[in-house]
C-alpha atoms as a PDB file:
ATOM      1  CA  MET A   1     -76.393-132.679  76.785  1.00  0.00           C
ATOM      2  CA  GLU A   2     -75.020-130.762  79.494  1.00  0.00           C
ATOM      3  CA  ASP A   3     -71.879-133.253  79.436  1.00  0.00           C
ATOM      4  CA  ILE A   4     -71.014-133.600  76.215  1.00  0.00           C
ATOM      5  CA  ASN A   5     -68.679-131.292  74.649  1.00  0.00           C
ATOM      6  CA  ARG A   6     -69.638-128.811  71.633  1.00  0.00           C
ATOM      7  CA  THR A   7     -67.176-130.583  69.618  1.00  0.00           C
ATOM      8  CA  VAL A   8     -68.825-132.967  66.457  1.00  0.00           C
ATOM      9  CA  VAL A   9     -67.062-134.994  64.009  1.00  0.00           C
ATOM     10  CA  VAL A  10     -69.865-134.912  60.839  1.00  0.00           C
ATOM     11  CA  ALA A  11     -69.217-138.055  58.659  1.00  0.00           C
ATOM     12  CA  VAL A  12     -70.901-136.544  54.951  1.00  0.00           C
ATOM     13  CA  GLY A  13     -72.742-139.688  53.210  1.00  0.00           C
ATOM     14  CA  GLY A  14     -71.904-140.127  49.613  1.00  0.00           C
ATOM     15  CA  ASN A  15     -75.956-138.968  48.750  1.00  0.00           C
ATOM     16  CA  ALA A  16     -73.885-135.781  49.797  1.00  0.00           C
ATOM     17  CA  LEU A  17     -71.954-135.064  46.627  1.00  0.00           C
ATOM     18  CA  ILE A  18     -73.768-137.472  44.038  1.00  0.00           C
ATOM     19  CA  THR A  19     -77.632-137.551  43.780  1.00  0.00           C
ATOM     20  CA  ASP A  20     -78.303-139.931  41.269  1.00  0.00           C
ATOM     21  CA  LYS A  21     -76.452-141.450  38.609  1.00  0.00           C
ATOM     22  CA  THR A  22     -77.909-138.806  36.147  1.00  0.00           C
ATOM     23  CA  HIS A  23     -76.284-135.457  38.426  1.00  0.00           C
ATOM     24  CA  ILE A  24     -72.287-136.758  38.156  1.00  0.00           C
ATOM     25  CA  SER A  25     -71.422-133.169  36.537  1.00  0.00           C
ATOM     26  CA  LEU A  26     -68.526-131.309  38.981  1.00  0.00           C
ATOM     27  CA  GLN A  27     -71.592-128.871  38.781  1.00  0.00           C
ATOM     28  CA  ASP A  28     -74.242-131.107  39.714  1.00  0.00           C
ATOM     29  CA  GLN A  29     -72.013-131.987  42.768  1.00  0.00           C
ATOM     30  CA  TYR A  30     -71.174-128.258  43.754  1.00  0.00           C
ATOM     31  CA  ALA A  31     -74.820-127.851  44.178  1.00  0.00           C
ATOM     32  CA  ALA A  32     -75.341-131.048  45.832  1.00  0.00           C
ATOM     33  CA  ALA A  33     -72.486-129.878  48.224  1.00  0.00           C
ATOM     34  CA  SER A  34     -74.188-126.726  48.547  1.00  0.00           C
ATOM     35  CA  GLU A  35     -77.083-128.440  50.047  1.00  0.00           C
ATOM     36  CA  ALA A  36     -75.110-130.138  52.189  1.00  0.00           C
ATOM     37  CA  MET A  37     -73.236-127.455  54.025  1.00  0.00           C
ATOM     38  CA  LYS A  38     -76.288-125.252  54.224  1.00  0.00           C
ATOM     39  CA  HIS A  39     -76.633-127.649  56.936  1.00  0.00           C
ATOM     40  CA  VAL A  40     -73.388-127.637  58.743  1.00  0.00           C
ATOM     41  CA  ALA A  41     -73.075-124.141  58.699  1.00  0.00           C
ATOM     42  CA  GLN A  42     -76.663-123.927  60.512  1.00  0.00           C
ATOM     43  CA  MET A  43     -75.071-126.474  63.285  1.00  0.00           C
ATOM     44  CA  VAL A  44     -71.602-123.771  63.390  1.00  0.00           C
ATOM     45  CA  ALA A  45     -73.915-120.654  63.741  1.00  0.00           C
ATOM     46  CA  ASP A  46     -75.868-123.080  66.860  1.00  0.00           C
ATOM     47  CA  GLY A  47     -72.178-123.018  68.310  1.00  0.00           C
ATOM     48  CA  TRP A  48     -70.379-126.572  67.667  1.00  0.00           C
ATOM     49  CA  SER A  49     -67.495-126.569  66.594  1.00  0.00           C
ATOM     50  CA  VAL A  50     -67.457-128.524  63.151  1.00  0.00           C
ATOM     51  CA  ILE A  51     -64.965-131.249  61.627  1.00  0.00           C
ATOM     52  CA  VAL A  52     -66.747-132.021  58.177  1.00  0.00           C
ATOM     53  CA  THR A  53     -65.552-135.744  56.669  1.00  0.00           C
ATOM     54  CA  HIS A  54     -66.798-137.349  53.245  1.00  0.00           C
ATOM     55  CA  GLY A  55     -66.671-140.109  51.189  1.00  0.00           C
ATOM     56  CA  ASN A  56     -65.103-140.310  47.627  1.00  0.00           C
ATOM     57  CA  GLY A  57     -65.828-143.673  46.440  1.00  0.00           C
ATOM     58  CA  PRO A  58     -67.633-142.505  43.062  1.00  0.00           C
ATOM     59  CA  GLN A  59     -64.973-139.535  42.742  1.00  0.00           C
ATOM     60  CA  VAL A  60     -62.375-142.230  42.764  1.00  0.00           C
ATOM     61  CA  GLY A  61     -64.343-144.398  40.444  1.00  0.00           C
ATOM     62  CA  PHE A  62     -64.268-141.666  38.175  1.00  0.00           C
ATOM     63  CA  LEU A  63     -60.897-140.729  38.305  1.00  0.00           C
ATOM     64  CA  LEU A  64     -59.510-144.493  37.947  1.00  0.00           C
ATOM     65  CA  ARG A  65     -61.887-144.722  34.824  1.00  0.00           C
ATOM     66  CA  ARG A  66     -60.323-141.686  32.980  1.00  0.00           C
ATOM     67  CA  VAL A  67     -56.902-143.264  34.125  1.00  0.00           C
ATOM     68  CA  GLU A  68     -57.818-146.799  32.133  1.00  0.00           C
ATOM     69  CA  LEU A  69     -58.856-144.392  29.551  1.00  0.00           C
ATOM     70  CA  ALA A  70     -55.373-142.606  29.410  1.00  0.00           C
ATOM     71  CA  SER A  71     -53.121-145.659  29.864  1.00  0.00           C
ATOM     72  CA  ALA A  72     -52.111-145.928  26.054  1.00  0.00           C
ATOM     73  CA  GLU A  73     -50.588-142.351  27.096  1.00  0.00           C
ATOM     74  CA  LEU A  74     -50.044-141.796  30.713  1.00  0.00           C
ATOM     75  CA  PRO A  75     -48.395-143.684  33.519  1.00  0.00           C
ATOM     76  CA  PRO A  76     -50.888-145.499  35.838  1.00  0.00           C
ATOM     77  CA  ILE A  77     -51.784-143.151  39.502  1.00  0.00           C
ATOM     78  CA  PRO A  78     -51.674-145.662  42.385  1.00  0.00           C
ATOM     79  CA  LEU A  79     -54.618-145.615  44.537  1.00  0.00           C
ATOM     80  CA  ASP A  80     -52.951-143.621  47.239  1.00  0.00           C
ATOM     81  CA  GLY A  81     -52.431-140.517  44.782  1.00  0.00           C
ATOM     82  CA  LEU A  82     -56.034-140.640  44.010  1.00  0.00           C
ATOM     83  CA  GLY A  83     -57.261-140.921  47.148  1.00  0.00           C
ATOM     84  CA  ALA A  84     -55.164-137.601  47.809  1.00  0.00           C
ATOM     85  CA  ASP A  85     -56.515-136.050  44.622  1.00  0.00           C
ATOM     86  CA  THR A  86     -59.920-136.385  45.466  1.00  0.00           C
ATOM     87  CA  GLN A  87     -59.151-135.342  48.814  1.00  0.00           C
ATOM     88  CA  GLY A  88     -57.947-132.275  47.566  1.00  0.00           C
ATOM     89  CA  ALA A  89     -60.646-131.798  45.106  1.00  0.00           C
ATOM     90  CA  THR A  90     -64.027-132.394  47.270  1.00  0.00           C
ATOM     91  CA  GLY A  91     -62.339-130.796  50.384  1.00  0.00           C
ATOM     92  CA  TYR A  92     -62.225-127.554  47.763  1.00  0.00           C
ATOM     93  CA  MET A  93     -65.616-128.000  46.673  1.00  0.00           C
ATOM     94  CA  PHE A  94     -66.736-128.206  50.202  1.00  0.00           C
ATOM     95  CA  GLY A  95     -65.196-124.781  51.226  1.00  0.00           C
ATOM     96  CA  ASN A  96     -66.476-122.751  48.595  1.00  0.00           C
ATOM     97  CA  ALA A  97     -69.607-124.066  49.150  1.00  0.00           C
ATOM     98  CA  LEU A  98     -69.305-123.633  52.865  1.00  0.00           C
ATOM     99  CA  GLY A  99     -68.209-120.224  52.921  1.00  0.00           C
ATOM    100  CA  HIS A 100     -70.614-119.663  50.405  1.00  0.00           C
ATOM    101  CA  GLU A 101     -73.150-120.423  53.080  1.00  0.00           C
ATOM    102  CA  PHE A 102     -71.583-118.536  55.998  1.00  0.00           C
ATOM    103  CA  ALA A 103     -71.969-115.534  54.120  1.00  0.00           C
ATOM    104  CA  LYS A 104     -75.629-115.975  53.491  1.00  0.00           C
ATOM    105  CA  ILE A 105     -76.216-116.571  57.259  1.00  0.00           C
ATOM    106  CA  GLY A 106     -73.444-113.973  58.726  1.00  0.00           C
ATOM    107  CA  VAL A 107     -70.876-116.824  59.768  1.00  0.00           C
ATOM    108  CA  ASP A 108     -67.812-115.292  60.693  1.00  0.00           C
ATOM    109  CA  LYS A 109     -65.328-118.053  60.193  1.00  0.00           C
ATOM    110  CA  GLN A 110     -62.706-119.268  58.537  1.00  0.00           C
ATOM    111  CA  ILE A 111     -62.319-122.914  56.346  1.00  0.00           C
ATOM    112  CA  VAL A 112     -59.686-124.995  55.949  1.00  0.00           C
ATOM    113  CA  ALA A 113     -59.704-128.285  53.731  1.00  0.00           C
ATOM    114  CA  LEU A 114     -56.886-130.223  54.568  1.00  0.00           C
ATOM    115  CA  VAL A 115     -55.423-133.377  53.059  1.00  0.00           C
ATOM    116  CA  THR A 116     -55.384-136.212  55.432  1.00  0.00           C
ATOM    117  CA  ARG A 117     -53.179-139.163  55.443  1.00  0.00           C
ATOM    118  CA  THR A 118     -54.704-142.149  57.808  1.00  0.00           C
ATOM    119  CA  VAL A 119     -51.704-145.084  58.926  1.00  0.00           C
ATOM    120  CA  VAL A 120     -53.004-148.282  59.160  1.00  0.00           C
ATOM    121  CA  ASP A 121     -50.983-151.437  60.097  1.00  0.00           C
ATOM    122  CA  ALA A 122     -49.184-152.961  57.005  1.00  0.00           C
ATOM    123  CA  LYS A 123     -50.279-156.416  59.078  1.00  0.00           C
ATOM    124  CA  ASP A 124     -54.020-156.120  59.487  1.00  0.00           C
ATOM    125  CA  PRO A 125     -55.269-159.179  58.063  1.00  0.00           C
ATOM    126  CA  ALA A 126     -57.962-157.010  55.559  1.00  0.00           C
ATOM    127  CA  PHE A 127     -54.435-157.326  53.403  1.00  0.00           C
ATOM    128  CA  GLN A 128     -55.117-160.919  53.488  1.00  0.00           C
ATOM    129  CA  LYS A 129     -58.497-161.253  51.916  1.00  0.00           C
ATOM    130  CA  PRO A 130     -58.969-158.234  49.916  1.00  0.00           C
ATOM    131  CA  THR A 131     -62.642-157.435  49.618  1.00  0.00           C
ATOM    132  CA  LYS A 132     -63.726-153.601  48.583  1.00  0.00           C
ATOM    133  CA  PRO A 133     -64.650-153.366  44.484  1.00  0.00           C
ATOM    134  CA  ILE A 134     -63.200-150.338  42.445  1.00  0.00           C
ATOM    135  CA  GLY A 135     -62.834-149.526  39.055  1.00  0.00           C
ATOM    136  CA  SER A 136     -64.571-150.537  35.810  1.00  0.00           C
ATOM    137  CA  PHE A 137     -65.786-153.938  35.142  1.00  0.00           C
ATOM    138  CA  MET A 138     -63.811-156.306  32.891  1.00  0.00           C
ATOM    139  CA  ASP A 139     -64.358-159.432  31.298  1.00  0.00           C
ATOM    140  CA  GLU A 140     -62.618-162.454  32.590  1.00  0.00           C
ATOM    141  CA  ASP A 141     -59.602-162.282  30.310  1.00  0.00           C
ATOM    142  CA  GLU A 142     -58.345-158.722  30.671  1.00  0.00           C
ATOM    143  CA  ALA A 143     -59.028-159.305  34.290  1.00  0.00           C
ATOM    144  CA  LYS A 144     -56.402-162.282  34.598  1.00  0.00           C
ATOM    145  CA  ARG A 145     -54.487-160.260  32.520  1.00  0.00           C
ATOM    146  CA  ARG A 146     -53.954-157.782  34.701  1.00  0.00           C
ATOM    147  CA  GLU A 147     -53.727-160.147  37.772  1.00  0.00           C
ATOM    148  CA  ALA A 148     -50.549-161.780  36.312  1.00  0.00           C
ATOM    149  CA  GLU A 149     -49.155-157.775  35.405  1.00  0.00           C
ATOM    150  CA  LEU A 150     -49.735-155.632  38.038  1.00  0.00           C
ATOM    151  CA  GLY A 151     -50.444-158.000  40.792  1.00  0.00           C
ATOM    152  CA  TRP A 152     -54.025-157.146  41.255  1.00  0.00           C
ATOM    153  CA  ASP A 153     -56.610-158.975  43.225  1.00  0.00           C
ATOM    154  CA  VAL A 154     -59.378-159.708  41.144  1.00  0.00           C
ATOM    155  CA  VAL A 155     -63.077-161.114  41.688  1.00  0.00           C
ATOM    156  CA  GLU A 156     -66.095-161.962  39.289  1.00  0.00           C
ATOM    157  CA  ASP A 157     -68.593-159.660  40.694  1.00  0.00           C
ATOM    158  CA  ALA A 158     -72.399-160.945  40.872  1.00  0.00           C
ATOM    159  CA  GLY A 159     -72.549-162.317  37.007  1.00  0.00           C
ATOM    160  CA  ARG A 160     -71.954-158.464  36.280  1.00  0.00           C
ATOM    161  CA  GLY A 161     -68.063-159.116  35.482  1.00  0.00           C
ATOM    162  CA  TRP A 162     -64.687-159.072  36.575  1.00  0.00           C
ATOM    163  CA  ARG A 163     -63.416-156.299  39.257  1.00  0.00           C
ATOM    164  CA  ARG A 164     -60.184-155.487  40.943  1.00  0.00           C
ATOM    165  CA  VAL A 165     -60.726-155.462  44.697  1.00  0.00           C
ATOM    166  CA  VAL A 166     -58.117-153.942  47.155  1.00  0.00           C
ATOM    167  CA  ALA A 167     -58.047-154.244  51.342  1.00  0.00           C
ATOM    168  CA  SER A 168     -60.048-152.196  53.241  1.00  0.00           C
ATOM    169  CA  PRO A 169     -58.254-152.083  56.929  1.00  0.00           C
ATOM    170  CA  LYS A 170     -59.066-150.560  59.538  1.00  0.00           C
ATOM    171  CA  PRO A 171     -57.624-147.145  60.529  1.00  0.00           C
ATOM    172  CA  VAL A 172     -55.151-146.906  63.289  1.00  0.00           C
ATOM    173  CA  ARG A 173     -54.735-143.153  63.956  1.00  0.00           C
ATOM    174  CA  ILE A 174     -55.136-139.757  61.589  1.00  0.00           C
ATOM    175  CA  ALA A 175     -52.164-138.550  61.408  1.00  0.00           C
ATOM    176  CA  GLU A 176     -52.559-134.960  61.042  1.00  0.00           C
ATOM    177  CA  VAL A 177     -54.870-134.829  64.209  1.00  0.00           C
ATOM    178  CA  GLU A 178     -52.705-132.036  65.970  1.00  0.00           C
ATOM    179  CA  ALA A 179     -52.712-129.902  63.075  1.00  0.00           C
ATOM    180  CA  ILE A 180     -56.393-130.223  62.967  1.00  0.00           C
ATOM    181  CA  ARG A 181     -56.657-130.041  66.637  1.00  0.00           C
ATOM    182  CA  THR A 182     -54.875-126.627  66.449  1.00  0.00           C
ATOM    183  CA  LEU A 183     -57.100-125.062  63.514  1.00  0.00           C
ATOM    184  CA  VAL A 184     -60.084-126.032  65.270  1.00  0.00           C
ATOM    185  CA  GLU A 185     -59.214-124.798  69.054  1.00  0.00           C
ATOM    186  CA  ASN A 186     -58.285-121.258  66.622  1.00  0.00           C
ATOM    187  CA  GLY A 187     -61.842-120.873  65.568  1.00  0.00           C
ATOM    188  CA  PHE A 188     -61.449-123.046  62.152  1.00  0.00           C
ATOM    189  CA  THR A 189     -63.839-125.322  60.520  1.00  0.00           C
ATOM    190  CA  VAL A 190     -61.793-128.071  59.248  1.00  0.00           C
ATOM    191  CA  ILE A 191     -62.703-130.513  56.204  1.00  0.00           C
ATOM    192  CA  ALA A 192     -60.405-133.830  56.906  1.00  0.00           C
ATOM    193  CA  ALA A 193     -59.635-137.094  56.409  1.00  0.00           C
ATOM    194  CA  GLY A 194     -61.824-137.161  53.600  1.00  0.00           C
ATOM    195  CA  GLY A 195     -62.368-140.447  52.099  1.00  0.00           C
ATOM    196  CA  GLY A 196     -61.250-141.998  55.264  1.00  0.00           C
ATOM    197  CA  GLY A 197     -57.643-140.119  54.943  1.00  0.00           C
ATOM    198  CA  ILE A 198     -54.854-141.319  52.304  1.00  0.00           C
ATOM    199  CA  PRO A 199     -54.109-144.872  53.907  1.00  0.00           C
ATOM    200  CA  VAL A 200     -50.086-145.101  55.069  1.00  0.00           C
ATOM    201  CA  VAL A 201     -48.445-147.042  56.500  1.00  0.00           C
ATOM    202  CA  GLU A 202     -45.141-146.172  58.818  1.00  0.00           C
ATOM    203  CA  ASP A 203     -41.779-147.917  57.490  1.00  0.00           C
ATOM    204  CA  GLY A 204     -39.852-146.464  60.046  1.00  0.00           C
ATOM    205  CA  GLU A 205     -38.681-143.114  58.973  1.00  0.00           C
ATOM    206  CA  GLY A 206     -42.042-141.632  58.108  1.00  0.00           C
ATOM    207  CA  PHE A 207     -44.747-142.882  56.182  1.00  0.00           C
ATOM    208  CA  THR A 208     -45.238-144.488  52.552  1.00  0.00           C
ATOM    209  CA  GLY A 209     -48.654-144.401  50.417  1.00  0.00           C
ATOM    210  CA  ILE A 210     -50.612-148.289  49.934  1.00  0.00           C
ATOM    211  CA  GLU A 211     -52.871-149.811  47.947  1.00  0.00           C
ATOM    212  CA  ALA A 212     -56.316-150.032  50.335  1.00  0.00           C
ATOM    213  CA  VAL A 213     -59.465-148.371  50.635  1.00  0.00           C
ATOM    214  CA  ILE A 214     -60.579-146.799  54.439  1.00  0.00           C
ATOM    215  CA  ASP A 215     -64.361-146.905  55.079  1.00  0.00           C
ATOM    216  CA  LYS A 216     -65.083-143.097  55.662  1.00  0.00           C
ATOM    217  CA  ASP A 217     -66.910-143.798  58.322  1.00  0.00           C
ATOM    218  CA  PHE A 218     -64.065-145.778  60.405  1.00  0.00           C
ATOM    219  CA  GLY A 219     -61.893-142.720  59.510  1.00  0.00           C
ATOM    220  CA  ALA A 220     -64.508-140.357  61.216  1.00  0.00           C
ATOM    221  CA  SER A 221     -64.576-142.193  64.577  1.00  0.00           C
ATOM    222  CA  MET A 222     -61.316-142.395  64.821  1.00  0.00           C
ATOM    223  CA  LEU A 223     -60.773-139.177  63.785  1.00  0.00           C
ATOM    224  CA  ALA A 224     -63.446-138.077  66.367  1.00  0.00           C
ATOM    225  CA  ASN A 225     -61.892-140.072  68.868  1.00  0.00           C
ATOM    226  CA  GLN A 226     -58.407-138.418  68.742  1.00  0.00           C
ATOM    227  CA  LEU A 227     -60.003-135.175  68.955  1.00  0.00           C
ATOM    228  CA  ASP A 228     -61.948-136.292  72.209  1.00  0.00           C
ATOM    229  CA  ALA A 229     -64.718-134.780  70.268  1.00  0.00           C
ATOM    230  CA  GLY A 230     -68.104-135.215  72.268  1.00  0.00           C
ATOM    231  CA  THR A 231     -70.237-136.220  68.960  1.00  0.00           C
ATOM    232  CA  LEU A 232     -69.468-138.232  65.870  1.00  0.00           C
ATOM    233  CA  LEU A 233     -72.684-137.995  63.675  1.00  0.00           C
ATOM    234  CA  ILE A 234     -72.891-139.838  60.604  1.00  0.00           C
ATOM    235  CA  SER A 235     -75.197-138.986  57.704  1.00  0.00           C
ATOM    236  CA  THR A 236     -76.996-141.125  55.625  1.00  0.00           C
ATOM    237  CA  ALA A 237     -80.036-140.920  52.854  1.00  0.00           C
ATOM    238  CA  VAL A 238     -82.136-142.128  55.847  1.00  0.00           C
ATOM    239  CA  ASP A 239     -83.354-140.166  58.946  1.00  0.00           C
ATOM    240  CA  ALA A 240     -82.913-142.482  61.245  1.00  0.00           C
ATOM    241  CA  VAL A 241     -81.657-146.036  62.032  1.00  0.00           C
ATOM    242  CA  ALA A 242     -84.383-148.630  61.766  1.00  0.00           C
ATOM    243  CA  ILE A 243     -84.720-152.774  62.928  1.00  0.00           C
ATOM    244  CA  ASN A 244     -86.866-154.683  60.176  1.00  0.00           C
ATOM    245  CA  PHE A 245     -85.982-152.094  57.826  1.00  0.00           C
ATOM    246  CA  ASN A 246     -88.872-152.281  54.785  1.00  0.00           C
ATOM    247  CA  THR A 247     -91.333-154.668  56.995  1.00  0.00           C
ATOM    248  CA  PRO A 248     -94.482-154.551  58.376  1.00  0.00           C
ATOM    249  CA  ASP A 249     -92.368-154.574  62.155  1.00  0.00           C
ATOM    250  CA  GLU A 250     -90.031-151.395  61.005  1.00  0.00           C
ATOM    251  CA  LYS A 251     -88.930-149.598  63.561  1.00  0.00           C
ATOM    252  CA  TRP A 252     -87.152-146.810  63.899  1.00  0.00           C
ATOM    253  CA  LEU A 253     -84.904-146.349  66.694  1.00  0.00           C
ATOM    254  CA  GLY A 254     -84.298-143.083  68.563  1.00  0.00           C
ATOM    255  CA  ASN A 255     -82.153-143.235  71.214  1.00  0.00           C
ATOM    256  CA  VAL A 256     -80.504-146.116  72.171  1.00  0.00           C
ATOM    257  CA  CYS A 257     -77.638-147.625  74.423  1.00  0.00           C
ATOM    258  CA  VAL A 258     -74.803-149.559  72.363  1.00  0.00           C
ATOM    259  CA  ASP A 259     -75.061-152.466  73.683  1.00  0.00           C
ATOM    260  CA  GLU A 260     -78.638-152.944  72.336  1.00  0.00           C
ATOM    261  CA  VAL A 261     -77.674-151.959  68.987  1.00  0.00           C
ATOM    262  CA  LYS A 262     -74.615-154.126  68.939  1.00  0.00           C
ATOM    263  CA  GLU A 263     -77.641-157.065  69.422  1.00  0.00           C
ATOM    264  CA  TYR A 264     -79.470-155.813  66.627  1.00  0.00           C
ATOM    265  CA  LEU A 265     -76.396-155.967  64.045  1.00  0.00           C
ATOM    266  CA  ALA A 266     -75.114-159.333  65.644  1.00  0.00           C
ATOM    267  CA  ALA A 267     -78.722-160.233  64.886  1.00  0.00           C
ATOM    268  CA  GLY A 268     -77.966-159.172  60.932  1.00  0.00           C
ATOM    269  CA  GLN A 269     -80.484-156.293  61.746  1.00  0.00           C
ATOM    270  CA  PHE A 270     -78.401-153.796  59.157  1.00  0.00           C
ATOM    271  CA  GLY A 271     -77.463-154.120  55.665  1.00  0.00           C
ATOM    272  CA  ALA A 272     -74.078-155.446  55.393  1.00  0.00           C
ATOM    273  CA  GLY A 273     -72.834-152.472  52.507  1.00  0.00           C
ATOM    274  CA  SER A 274     -75.145-149.766  53.592  1.00  0.00           C
ATOM    275  CA  MET A 275     -76.496-149.609  57.614  1.00  0.00           C
ATOM    276  CA  ALA A 276     -74.049-152.219  59.245  1.00  0.00           C
ATOM    277  CA  PRO A 277     -70.919-150.264  58.858  1.00  0.00           C
ATOM    278  CA  LYS A 278     -72.271-147.166  60.194  1.00  0.00           C
ATOM    279  CA  ILE A 279     -72.889-148.743  63.433  1.00  0.00           C
ATOM    280  CA  GLU A 280     -70.026-150.341  63.402  1.00  0.00           C
ATOM    281  CA  ALA A 281     -68.260-146.911  63.048  1.00  0.00           C
ATOM    282  CA  ALA A 282     -70.689-146.237  65.831  1.00  0.00           C
ATOM    283  CA  ILE A 283     -69.740-148.796  68.188  1.00  0.00           C
ATOM    284  CA  ALA A 284     -65.760-148.097  67.798  1.00  0.00           C
ATOM    285  CA  PHE A 285     -66.193-144.801  68.898  1.00  0.00           C
ATOM    286  CA  LEU A 286     -67.893-145.700  71.975  1.00  0.00           C
ATOM    287  CA  GLU A 287     -66.061-148.677  73.125  1.00  0.00           C
ATOM    288  CA  ARG A 288     -62.782-146.196  72.688  1.00  0.00           C
ATOM    289  CA  GLY A 289     -64.257-143.836  74.957  1.00  0.00           C
ATOM    290  CA  GLY A 290     -66.999-141.441  72.945  1.00  0.00           C
ATOM    291  CA  ARG A 291     -69.903-140.527  74.566  1.00  0.00           C
ATOM    292  CA  ARG A 292     -72.823-140.042  71.541  1.00  0.00           C
ATOM    293  CA  VAL A 293     -73.846-140.991  68.085  1.00  0.00           C
ATOM    294  CA  ILE A 294     -75.856-139.305  65.838  1.00  0.00           C
ATOM    295  CA  ILE A 295     -77.214-141.323  62.616  1.00  0.00           C
ATOM    296  CA  THR A 296     -79.706-138.773  60.760  1.00  0.00           C
ATOM    297  CA  SER A 297     -80.256-137.606  56.897  1.00  0.00           C
ATOM    298  CA  PRO A 298     -78.531-133.969  56.354  1.00  0.00           C
ATOM    299  CA  PRO A 299     -81.609-132.155  56.514  1.00  0.00           C
ATOM    300  CA  LEU A 300     -81.934-133.412  60.342  1.00  0.00           C
ATOM    301  CA  MET A 301     -78.082-132.571  61.311  1.00  0.00           C
ATOM    302  CA  ALA A 302     -78.675-129.346  63.121  1.00  0.00           C
ATOM    303  CA  ALA A 303     -82.228-130.747  64.440  1.00  0.00           C
ATOM    304  CA  ALA A 304     -80.700-134.344  65.916  1.00  0.00           C
ATOM    305  CA  LEU A 305     -77.568-132.644  67.594  1.00  0.00           C
ATOM    306  CA  LYS A 306     -80.344-130.709  70.043  1.00  0.00           C
ATOM    307  CA  GLY A 307     -81.990-134.593  70.770  1.00  0.00           C
ATOM    308  CA  GLU A 308     -85.347-133.724  68.241  1.00  0.00           C
ATOM    309  CA  ALA A 309     -84.763-135.970  65.431  1.00  0.00           C
ATOM    310  CA  GLY A 310     -82.373-138.924  63.959  1.00  0.00           C
ATOM    311  CA  THR A 311     -81.202-141.985  65.992  1.00  0.00           C
ATOM    312  CA  THR A 312     -78.734-141.237  69.089  1.00  0.00           C
ATOM    313  CA  ILE A 313     -76.696-144.447  69.779  1.00  0.00           C
ATOM    314  CA  THR A 314     -74.930-143.476  73.219  1.00  0.00           C
ATOM    315  CA  ALA A 315     -72.224-145.540  75.461  1.00  0.00           C
END
């Protein structure tokens, strides 16, 4: 621990805002955010410089549904705009919740929620094969109509109906990283790169938003590398990473090296829609020069930073 700096990027999982399908109101989301920020506040009280990132998938889905319901009266909002909206609103919610938790335990720090852009490569292969489903289910006729009229990519989703799919390119860099670095160096606790960041491409004169979704753990991984953070902490619904999950041979991983984890990933030990993206983001961080990744549940985050809980992956 002595040679790992005290800066940590925390990727808060989706369960930090929506615990289940019956608790989706803004009041419910704020209550869930407060519970997650209680643990972040303790990390700050323990002397860590913390940058919080978060998911926004359900929130973008809700906004998309509102756009659909209002389509007869109002123009649509592009996906990058929806990302900006939810990043600002969720950052505001987390900021308020964290401020209240700071006050409870006597932490005197200012909080900034920064709407953040993530640069992607316009030639990323992901744009040739969109795979990330967004928005509501449709019947085939409606899906084909929108494909023709709006240029959407649509797919049939496991017998449940048709959905729009968009690309999920890998982040190249976080555009606002120097602003984030300056804030952290001046003692601020920063909330940034929510939802992986707003996807943009460079156009020669600046940035242009693009219809895509960036995985929030990959966004956090890139941000942690750019900030030279000692630790990337990915919170999730389980206390640690397991192999042979939900079988008699289930084994929880404590301290492991990245090569061992890569072998488990190649062997299909991690679910494609759940743990695998987190492991891939962890590997990317470590292979770009990062030192340590922790994967654990929110209540164990402070303990995991001390090496007392969770799964720790090192280079």
